């Protein structure tokens, strides 16, 4: 009985998987997505002080805005260094977008007598949330689609 492992053969391993390298991004594609996410985060931080929302929305926008800046910068760094964006970061950004959409309904966006400002705050959170969700979902999809080496089909 032989102790040799059939998977130990170098030739077998070359035939088993295609020759793409996992987790490489030589064209640095997707950097614009990361920049857009960071810019949306900066906008959330700025608008928190411009529109003077109620306390719950203020802190939600500040925390989510700061998180988007950090996550966008992280994925930009990865993509600028010939690596793929992180699937987990893209998915988290998409979830933060969903949170922004839900925030006006959960925390409320009106303060007694706020009037027009509350409409601006409401629609700002909805629009920024939709953009954030789309960018995060697309980023996660692109990173997942290109980052997984698939076994070659056996004939």
N, C-alpha and C. Protein backbone atom coordinates (compact mmCIF):
# COMPACT_ATOMS: atom_id res chain seq x y z
N UNK A 1 0.83 -1.17 0.00
CA UNK A 1 0.00 0.00 0.00
C UNK A 1 0.88 1.24 0.00
N UNK A 2 0.61 2.15 -0.90
CA UNK A 2 1.44 3.33 -1.08
C UNK A 2 0.96 4.45 -0.16
N UNK A 3 1.92 5.17 0.41
CA UNK A 3 1.61 6.31 1.27
C UNK A 3 1.56 7.62 0.50
N UNK A 4 1.72 7.55 -0.82
CA UNK A 4 1.72 8.80 -1.59
C UNK A 4 0.29 9.34 -1.72
N UNK A 5 0.20 10.61 -1.59
CA UNK A 5 -1.09 11.30 -1.68
C UNK A 5 -1.35 11.68 -3.14
N UNK A 6 -2.48 11.29 -3.72
CA UNK A 6 -2.73 11.62 -5.12
C UNK A 6 -2.86 13.13 -5.34
N UNK A 7 -3.17 13.89 -4.29
CA UNK A 7 -3.29 15.34 -4.42
C UNK A 7 -1.94 16.03 -4.29
N UNK A 8 -0.92 15.27 -3.95
CA UNK A 8 0.41 15.83 -3.78
C UNK A 8 1.11 16.03 -5.11
N UNK A 9 0.60 15.46 -6.16
CA UNK A 9 1.20 15.55 -7.47
C UNK A 9 0.98 16.95 -8.05
N UNK A 10 2.07 17.65 -8.38
CA UNK A 10 1.99 19.02 -8.89
C UNK A 10 1.17 19.09 -10.17
N UNK A 11 1.32 18.13 -11.03
CA UNK A 11 0.60 18.13 -12.30
C UNK A 11 -0.91 18.04 -12.07
N UNK A 12 -1.33 17.23 -11.10
CA UNK A 12 -2.75 17.09 -10.79
C UNK A 12 -3.33 18.42 -10.32
N UNK A 13 -2.60 19.14 -9.47
CA UNK A 13 -3.09 20.41 -8.95
C UNK A 13 -3.22 21.46 -10.05
N UNK A 14 -2.32 21.45 -11.02
CA UNK A 14 -2.41 22.41 -12.10
C UNK A 14 -3.64 22.17 -12.96
N UNK A 15 -4.00 20.90 -13.15
CA UNK A 15 -5.17 20.58 -13.95
C UNK A 15 -6.46 20.87 -13.19
N UNK A 16 -6.41 20.77 -11.87
CA UNK A 16 -7.61 20.90 -11.05
C UNK A 16 -8.16 22.33 -11.05
N UNK A 17 -7.30 23.33 -10.99
CA UNK A 17 -7.76 24.72 -10.89
C UNK A 17 -7.27 25.52 -12.09
N UNK A 18 -8.05 26.52 -12.46
CA UNK A 18 -7.61 27.36 -13.56
C UNK A 18 -6.44 28.22 -13.10
N UNK A 19 -5.79 28.89 -14.02
CA UNK A 19 -4.53 29.55 -13.71
C UNK A 19 -4.67 30.99 -13.24
N UNK A 20 -5.88 31.46 -12.92
CA UNK A 20 -6.02 32.81 -12.39
C UNK A 20 -5.50 32.88 -10.96
N UNK A 21 -4.88 33.99 -10.64
CA UNK A 21 -4.48 34.19 -9.26
C UNK A 21 -5.66 34.74 -8.49
N UNK A 22 -5.83 34.24 -7.28
CA UNK A 22 -6.93 34.70 -6.44
C UNK A 22 -6.52 36.00 -5.77
N UNK A 23 -7.48 36.93 -5.66
CA UNK A 23 -7.30 38.16 -4.91
C UNK A 23 -6.30 39.12 -5.55
N UNK A 24 -6.27 39.19 -6.89
CA UNK A 24 -5.42 40.17 -7.54
C UNK A 24 -6.28 41.10 -8.37
N UNK A 25 -5.82 42.31 -8.52
CA UNK A 25 -6.54 43.33 -9.27
C UNK A 25 -5.51 44.22 -9.97
N UNK A 26 -4.84 43.70 -11.01
CA UNK A 26 -3.76 44.46 -11.64
C UNK A 26 -4.21 45.76 -12.29
N UNK A 27 -5.46 45.87 -12.69
CA UNK A 27 -5.94 47.11 -13.32
C UNK A 27 -6.49 48.10 -12.31
N UNK A 28 -6.50 47.72 -11.05
CA UNK A 28 -6.99 48.56 -9.96
C UNK A 28 -8.44 48.99 -10.20
N UNK A 29 -9.22 48.13 -10.82
CA UNK A 29 -10.61 48.48 -11.11
C UNK A 29 -11.43 48.56 -9.83
N UNK A 30 -12.43 49.40 -9.86
CA UNK A 30 -13.32 49.55 -8.72
C UNK A 30 -12.92 50.64 -7.75
N UNK A 31 -11.82 51.34 -8.04
CA UNK A 31 -11.42 52.40 -7.11
C UNK A 31 -12.47 53.50 -7.04
N UNK A 32 -13.15 53.76 -8.14
CA UNK A 32 -14.18 54.81 -8.15
C UNK A 32 -15.31 54.49 -7.19
N UNK A 33 -15.62 53.19 -7.02
CA UNK A 33 -16.67 52.80 -6.08
C UNK A 33 -16.26 53.19 -4.66
N UNK A 34 -15.02 52.89 -4.33
CA UNK A 34 -14.51 53.20 -2.99
C UNK A 34 -14.49 54.71 -2.75
N UNK A 35 -14.10 55.47 -3.77
CA UNK A 35 -14.09 56.93 -3.64
C UNK A 35 -15.51 57.44 -3.43
N UNK A 36 -16.46 56.91 -4.20
CA UNK A 36 -17.86 57.35 -4.07
C UNK A 36 -18.41 57.04 -2.68
N UNK A 37 -18.08 55.88 -2.13
CA UNK A 37 -18.54 55.52 -0.79
C UNK A 37 -17.95 56.49 0.24
N UNK A 38 -16.67 56.80 0.12
CA UNK A 38 -16.04 57.73 1.06
C UNK A 38 -16.65 59.13 0.94
N UNK A 39 -16.94 59.57 -0.29
CA UNK A 39 -17.55 60.89 -0.49
C UNK A 39 -18.95 60.94 0.11
N UNK A 40 -19.72 59.87 -0.05
CA UNK A 40 -21.04 59.81 0.58
C UNK A 40 -20.92 59.89 2.11
N UNK A 41 -19.91 59.24 2.66
CA UNK A 41 -19.67 59.31 4.09
C UNK A 41 -19.32 60.72 4.54
N UNK A 42 -18.47 61.39 3.75
CA UNK A 42 -18.14 62.78 4.07
C UNK A 42 -19.37 63.68 4.00
N UNK A 43 -20.22 63.44 3.01
CA UNK A 43 -21.44 64.23 2.89
C UNK A 43 -22.33 64.03 4.12
N UNK A 44 -22.45 62.79 4.58
CA UNK A 44 -23.26 62.54 5.78
C UNK A 44 -22.72 63.30 6.99
N UNK A 45 -21.41 63.33 7.12
CA UNK A 45 -20.81 64.06 8.24
C UNK A 45 -21.10 65.55 8.13
N UNK A 46 -20.93 66.11 6.94
CA UNK A 46 -21.15 67.54 6.75
C UNK A 46 -22.61 67.91 6.94
N UNK A 47 -23.51 67.14 6.32
CA UNK A 47 -24.94 67.48 6.42
C UNK A 47 -25.48 67.33 7.83
N UNK A 48 -24.84 66.52 8.65
CA UNK A 48 -25.27 66.39 10.04
C UNK A 48 -25.18 67.72 10.77
N UNK A 49 -24.19 68.51 10.41
CA UNK A 49 -24.01 69.82 11.05
C UNK A 49 -24.76 70.92 10.30
N UNK A 50 -25.00 70.75 9.01
CA UNK A 50 -25.72 71.76 8.23
C UNK A 50 -27.21 71.76 8.51
N UNK A 51 -27.82 70.57 8.56
CA UNK A 51 -29.27 70.47 8.65
C UNK A 51 -29.78 70.43 10.08
N UNK A 52 -28.90 70.23 11.05
CA UNK A 52 -29.27 70.19 12.46
C UNK A 52 -30.44 69.22 12.72
N UNK A 53 -30.24 67.92 12.42
CA UNK A 53 -31.32 66.95 12.64
C UNK A 53 -31.53 66.67 14.13
N UNK A 54 -32.58 65.91 14.43
CA UNK A 54 -32.82 65.53 15.82
C UNK A 54 -31.67 64.64 16.29
N UNK A 55 -31.52 64.49 17.58
CA UNK A 55 -30.35 63.82 18.16
C UNK A 55 -30.12 62.41 17.61
N UNK A 56 -31.19 61.62 17.49
CA UNK A 56 -31.03 60.26 17.00
C UNK A 56 -30.50 60.21 15.58
N UNK A 57 -31.06 61.03 14.71
CA UNK A 57 -30.59 61.08 13.33
C UNK A 57 -29.19 61.68 13.23
N UNK A 58 -28.91 62.66 14.07
CA UNK A 58 -27.58 63.28 14.07
C UNK A 58 -26.51 62.23 14.33
N UNK A 59 -26.68 61.48 15.42
CA UNK A 59 -25.65 60.50 15.77
C UNK A 59 -25.61 59.33 14.78
N UNK A 60 -26.75 58.96 14.25
CA UNK A 60 -26.77 57.91 13.23
C UNK A 60 -25.98 58.36 12.00
N UNK A 61 -26.23 59.59 11.54
CA UNK A 61 -25.52 60.10 10.37
C UNK A 61 -24.03 60.26 10.62
N UNK A 62 -23.66 60.71 11.81
CA UNK A 62 -22.24 60.87 12.14
C UNK A 62 -21.53 59.51 12.17
N UNK A 63 -22.13 58.54 12.83
CA UNK A 63 -21.50 57.21 12.95
C UNK A 63 -21.44 56.51 11.59
N UNK A 64 -22.55 56.53 10.85
CA UNK A 64 -22.57 55.88 9.53
C UNK A 64 -21.64 56.62 8.57
N UNK A 65 -21.63 57.95 8.62
CA UNK A 65 -20.74 58.72 7.76
C UNK A 65 -19.28 58.40 8.02
N UNK A 66 -18.90 58.35 9.28
CA UNK A 66 -17.51 58.02 9.63
C UNK A 66 -17.17 56.59 9.18
N UNK A 67 -18.11 55.67 9.37
CA UNK A 67 -17.88 54.28 8.94
C UNK A 67 -17.71 54.20 7.42
N UNK A 68 -18.51 54.94 6.68
CA UNK A 68 -18.40 54.92 5.22
C UNK A 68 -17.06 55.49 4.75
N UNK A 69 -16.59 56.53 5.41
CA UNK A 69 -15.29 57.10 5.06
C UNK A 69 -14.19 56.06 5.28
N UNK A 70 -14.23 55.41 6.43
CA UNK A 70 -13.20 54.41 6.76
C UNK A 70 -13.30 53.20 5.82
N UNK A 71 -14.50 52.70 5.58
CA UNK A 71 -14.66 51.53 4.71
C UNK A 71 -14.30 51.85 3.26
N UNK A 72 -14.68 53.03 2.79
CA UNK A 72 -14.30 53.43 1.44
C UNK A 72 -12.80 53.57 1.30
N UNK A 73 -12.16 54.16 2.30
CA UNK A 73 -10.70 54.31 2.27
C UNK A 73 -10.01 52.95 2.31
N UNK A 74 -10.53 52.03 3.11
CA UNK A 74 -9.94 50.69 3.20
C UNK A 74 -10.01 49.96 1.85
N UNK A 75 -11.18 49.96 1.23
CA UNK A 75 -11.30 49.29 -0.06
C UNK A 75 -10.49 50.01 -1.14
N UNK A 76 -10.40 51.32 -1.08
CA UNK A 76 -9.56 52.07 -2.02
C UNK A 76 -8.10 51.64 -1.87
N UNK A 77 -7.65 51.55 -0.63
CA UNK A 77 -6.27 51.12 -0.37
C UNK A 77 -6.01 49.73 -0.95
N UNK A 78 -6.95 48.82 -0.73
CA UNK A 78 -6.79 47.47 -1.28
C UNK A 78 -6.72 47.50 -2.80
N UNK A 79 -7.64 48.22 -3.41
CA UNK A 79 -7.70 48.25 -4.87
C UNK A 79 -6.51 48.99 -5.47
N UNK A 80 -5.98 49.98 -4.81
CA UNK A 80 -4.83 50.72 -5.30
C UNK A 80 -3.55 49.88 -5.21
N UNK A 81 -3.57 48.85 -4.40
CA UNK A 81 -2.41 47.98 -4.24
C UNK A 81 -2.61 46.64 -4.94
N UNK A 82 -3.30 46.67 -6.07
CA UNK A 82 -3.49 45.50 -6.93
C UNK A 82 -4.22 44.35 -6.25
N UNK A 83 -5.08 44.65 -5.30
CA UNK A 83 -5.89 43.62 -4.66
C UNK A 83 -7.35 43.92 -4.93
N UNK A 84 -8.18 42.92 -4.77
CA UNK A 84 -9.61 43.11 -4.95
C UNK A 84 -10.20 43.79 -3.72
N UNK A 85 -11.32 44.47 -3.92
CA UNK A 85 -12.05 45.02 -2.79
C UNK A 85 -12.59 43.89 -1.94
N UNK A 86 -12.80 44.15 -0.69
CA UNK A 86 -13.30 43.14 0.23
C UNK A 86 -14.80 42.93 0.04
N UNK A 87 -15.20 41.66 -0.08
CA UNK A 87 -16.61 41.32 -0.19
C UNK A 87 -17.34 41.72 1.09
N UNK A 88 -16.73 41.46 2.22
CA UNK A 88 -17.34 41.79 3.51
C UNK A 88 -17.55 43.29 3.68
N UNK A 89 -16.59 44.08 3.25
CA UNK A 89 -16.72 45.54 3.34
C UNK A 89 -17.85 46.01 2.43
N UNK A 90 -17.91 45.48 1.21
CA UNK A 90 -19.00 45.85 0.30
C UNK A 90 -20.36 45.50 0.86
N UNK A 91 -20.47 44.31 1.45
CA UNK A 91 -21.74 43.89 2.04
C UNK A 91 -22.11 44.77 3.23
N UNK A 92 -21.12 45.13 4.04
CA UNK A 92 -21.39 45.99 5.19
C UNK A 92 -21.83 47.38 4.75
N UNK A 93 -21.21 47.90 3.69
CA UNK A 93 -21.61 49.19 3.15
C UNK A 93 -23.06 49.12 2.67
N UNK A 94 -23.43 48.03 2.00
CA UNK A 94 -24.81 47.86 1.54
C UNK A 94 -25.78 47.84 2.73
N UNK A 95 -25.40 47.16 3.80
CA UNK A 95 -26.25 47.14 5.00
C UNK A 95 -26.38 48.53 5.63
N UNK A 96 -25.29 49.28 5.62
CA UNK A 96 -25.36 50.66 6.14
C UNK A 96 -26.30 51.50 5.27
N UNK A 97 -26.31 51.24 3.97
CA UNK A 97 -27.25 51.93 3.09
C UNK A 97 -28.68 51.62 3.45
N UNK A 98 -28.97 50.35 3.73
CA UNK A 98 -30.32 49.98 4.15
C UNK A 98 -30.69 50.65 5.47
N UNK A 99 -29.72 50.75 6.37
CA UNK A 99 -29.97 51.43 7.64
C UNK A 99 -30.33 52.90 7.40
N UNK A 100 -29.60 53.55 6.49
CA UNK A 100 -29.90 54.95 6.20
C UNK A 100 -31.30 55.14 5.64
N UNK A 101 -31.74 54.18 4.83
CA UNK A 101 -33.10 54.25 4.28
C UNK A 101 -34.13 54.09 5.39
N UNK A 102 -33.85 53.22 6.34
CA UNK A 102 -34.81 52.95 7.42
C UNK A 102 -34.77 53.99 8.54
N UNK A 103 -33.65 54.68 8.69
CA UNK A 103 -33.48 55.62 9.80
C UNK A 103 -34.60 56.64 9.96
N UNK A 104 -35.03 57.34 8.88
CA UNK A 104 -36.09 58.34 9.09
C UNK A 104 -37.39 57.73 9.62
N UNK A 105 -37.64 56.47 9.28
CA UNK A 105 -38.86 55.82 9.73
C UNK A 105 -38.72 55.27 11.15
N UNK A 106 -37.52 54.82 11.50
CA UNK A 106 -37.30 54.24 12.82
C UNK A 106 -37.07 55.32 13.88
N UNK A 107 -36.17 56.24 13.59
CA UNK A 107 -35.82 57.27 14.57
C UNK A 107 -36.66 58.53 14.44
N UNK A 108 -37.36 58.67 13.33
CA UNK A 108 -38.15 59.88 13.09
C UNK A 108 -37.25 60.98 12.58
N UNK A 109 -37.77 61.76 11.66
CA UNK A 109 -36.94 62.83 11.11
C UNK A 109 -37.56 64.20 11.32
N UNK A 110 -38.61 64.26 12.11
CA UNK A 110 -39.24 65.56 12.31
C UNK A 110 -39.08 66.01 13.76
N UNK A 111 -38.85 67.25 13.88
CA UNK A 111 -38.78 67.89 15.19
C UNK A 111 -39.87 68.95 15.18
N UNK A 112 -40.49 69.21 16.28
CA UNK A 112 -41.59 70.17 16.31
C UNK A 112 -41.16 71.49 15.68
N UNK A 113 -41.85 71.87 14.62
CA UNK A 113 -41.58 73.13 13.95
C UNK A 113 -40.42 73.12 13.00
N UNK A 114 -39.86 71.95 12.67
CA UNK A 114 -38.70 71.91 11.78
C UNK A 114 -39.09 72.19 10.34
N UNK A 115 -40.30 71.79 9.91
CA UNK A 115 -40.82 72.12 8.59
C UNK A 115 -39.97 71.64 7.44
N UNK A 116 -39.45 72.58 6.64
CA UNK A 116 -38.72 72.25 5.42
C UNK A 116 -37.45 71.49 5.72
N UNK A 117 -36.75 71.84 6.79
CA UNK A 117 -35.51 71.14 7.12
C UNK A 117 -35.74 69.65 7.31
N UNK A 118 -36.85 69.27 7.91
CA UNK A 118 -37.10 67.85 8.15
C UNK A 118 -37.31 67.12 6.82
N UNK A 119 -37.93 67.79 5.82
CA UNK A 119 -38.08 67.18 4.50
C UNK A 119 -36.71 66.96 3.85
N UNK A 120 -35.84 67.95 4.00
CA UNK A 120 -34.50 67.82 3.43
C UNK A 120 -33.75 66.68 4.12
N UNK A 121 -33.82 66.63 5.43
CA UNK A 121 -33.16 65.54 6.17
C UNK A 121 -33.71 64.18 5.75
N UNK A 122 -35.02 64.09 5.64
CA UNK A 122 -35.67 62.84 5.27
C UNK A 122 -35.19 62.36 3.91
N UNK A 123 -35.30 63.22 2.90
CA UNK A 123 -34.92 62.82 1.55
C UNK A 123 -33.41 62.64 1.41
N UNK A 124 -32.64 63.39 2.16
CA UNK A 124 -31.19 63.20 2.12
C UNK A 124 -30.82 61.79 2.59
N UNK A 125 -31.40 61.36 3.71
CA UNK A 125 -31.11 60.01 4.21
C UNK A 125 -31.58 58.94 3.22
N UNK A 126 -32.73 59.14 2.60
CA UNK A 126 -33.24 58.16 1.65
C UNK A 126 -32.34 58.07 0.42
N UNK A 127 -31.99 59.21 -0.17
CA UNK A 127 -31.17 59.21 -1.39
C UNK A 127 -29.76 58.70 -1.11
N UNK A 128 -29.15 59.19 -0.05
CA UNK A 128 -27.80 58.73 0.29
C UNK A 128 -27.84 57.23 0.64
N UNK A 129 -28.88 56.78 1.31
CA UNK A 129 -29.02 55.36 1.63
C UNK A 129 -29.14 54.50 0.38
N UNK A 130 -29.95 54.95 -0.57
CA UNK A 130 -30.09 54.19 -1.84
C UNK A 130 -28.77 54.13 -2.59
N UNK A 131 -28.08 55.26 -2.71
CA UNK A 131 -26.78 55.28 -3.39
C UNK A 131 -25.77 54.38 -2.68
N UNK A 132 -25.75 54.46 -1.37
CA UNK A 132 -24.83 53.64 -0.58
C UNK A 132 -25.12 52.16 -0.75
N UNK A 133 -26.40 51.80 -0.72
CA UNK A 133 -26.78 50.39 -0.90
C UNK A 133 -26.34 49.88 -2.27
N UNK A 134 -26.63 50.64 -3.30
CA UNK A 134 -26.27 50.21 -4.66
C UNK A 134 -24.76 50.07 -4.82
N UNK A 135 -24.01 51.06 -4.34
CA UNK A 135 -22.54 50.99 -4.45
C UNK A 135 -21.97 49.83 -3.64
N UNK A 136 -22.47 49.63 -2.43
CA UNK A 136 -21.98 48.53 -1.60
C UNK A 136 -22.30 47.17 -2.19
N UNK A 137 -23.53 47.01 -2.68
CA UNK A 137 -23.92 45.73 -3.28
C UNK A 137 -23.12 45.46 -4.54
N UNK A 138 -22.92 46.48 -5.37
CA UNK A 138 -22.14 46.30 -6.60
C UNK A 138 -20.68 45.98 -6.27
N UNK A 139 -20.13 46.65 -5.27
CA UNK A 139 -18.75 46.39 -4.86
C UNK A 139 -18.58 44.96 -4.37
N UNK A 140 -19.51 44.49 -3.55
CA UNK A 140 -19.44 43.12 -3.03
C UNK A 140 -19.60 42.11 -4.17
N UNK A 141 -20.51 42.38 -5.09
CA UNK A 141 -20.73 41.50 -6.23
C UNK A 141 -19.48 41.41 -7.10
N UNK A 142 -18.88 42.55 -7.42
CA UNK A 142 -17.69 42.55 -8.26
C UNK A 142 -16.53 41.83 -7.58
N UNK A 143 -16.32 42.08 -6.29
CA UNK A 143 -15.22 41.44 -5.58
C UNK A 143 -15.44 39.93 -5.49
N UNK A 144 -16.66 39.52 -5.26
CA UNK A 144 -16.95 38.09 -5.15
C UNK A 144 -16.85 37.39 -6.50
N UNK A 145 -17.35 38.05 -7.54
CA UNK A 145 -17.38 37.45 -8.86
C UNK A 145 -15.97 37.24 -9.42
N UNK A 146 -15.08 38.15 -9.16
CA UNK A 146 -13.74 38.05 -9.72
C UNK A 146 -12.72 37.46 -8.77
N UNK A 147 -13.06 37.32 -7.51
CA UNK A 147 -12.07 36.92 -6.53
C UNK A 147 -12.03 35.46 -6.17
N UNK A 148 -12.86 34.64 -6.75
CA UNK A 148 -12.91 33.24 -6.37
C UNK A 148 -12.39 32.38 -7.51
N UNK A 149 -11.36 31.61 -7.25
CA UNK A 149 -10.87 30.69 -8.27
C UNK A 149 -11.79 29.49 -8.29
N UNK A 150 -12.25 29.13 -9.46
CA UNK A 150 -13.19 28.04 -9.59
C UNK A 150 -12.47 26.80 -10.11
N UNK A 151 -12.84 25.62 -9.61
CA UNK A 151 -12.22 24.41 -10.13
C UNK A 151 -12.53 24.26 -11.63
N UNK A 152 -11.56 23.77 -12.36
CA UNK A 152 -11.76 23.54 -13.78
C UNK A 152 -12.72 22.36 -13.98
N UNK A 153 -13.48 22.41 -15.03
CA UNK A 153 -14.42 21.32 -15.32
C UNK A 153 -13.64 20.07 -15.74
N UNK A 154 -14.03 18.97 -15.21
CA UNK A 154 -13.39 17.70 -15.58
C UNK A 154 -14.04 17.16 -16.84
N UNK A 155 -13.22 16.61 -17.68
CA UNK A 155 -13.76 16.00 -18.90
C UNK A 155 -13.57 14.53 -18.89
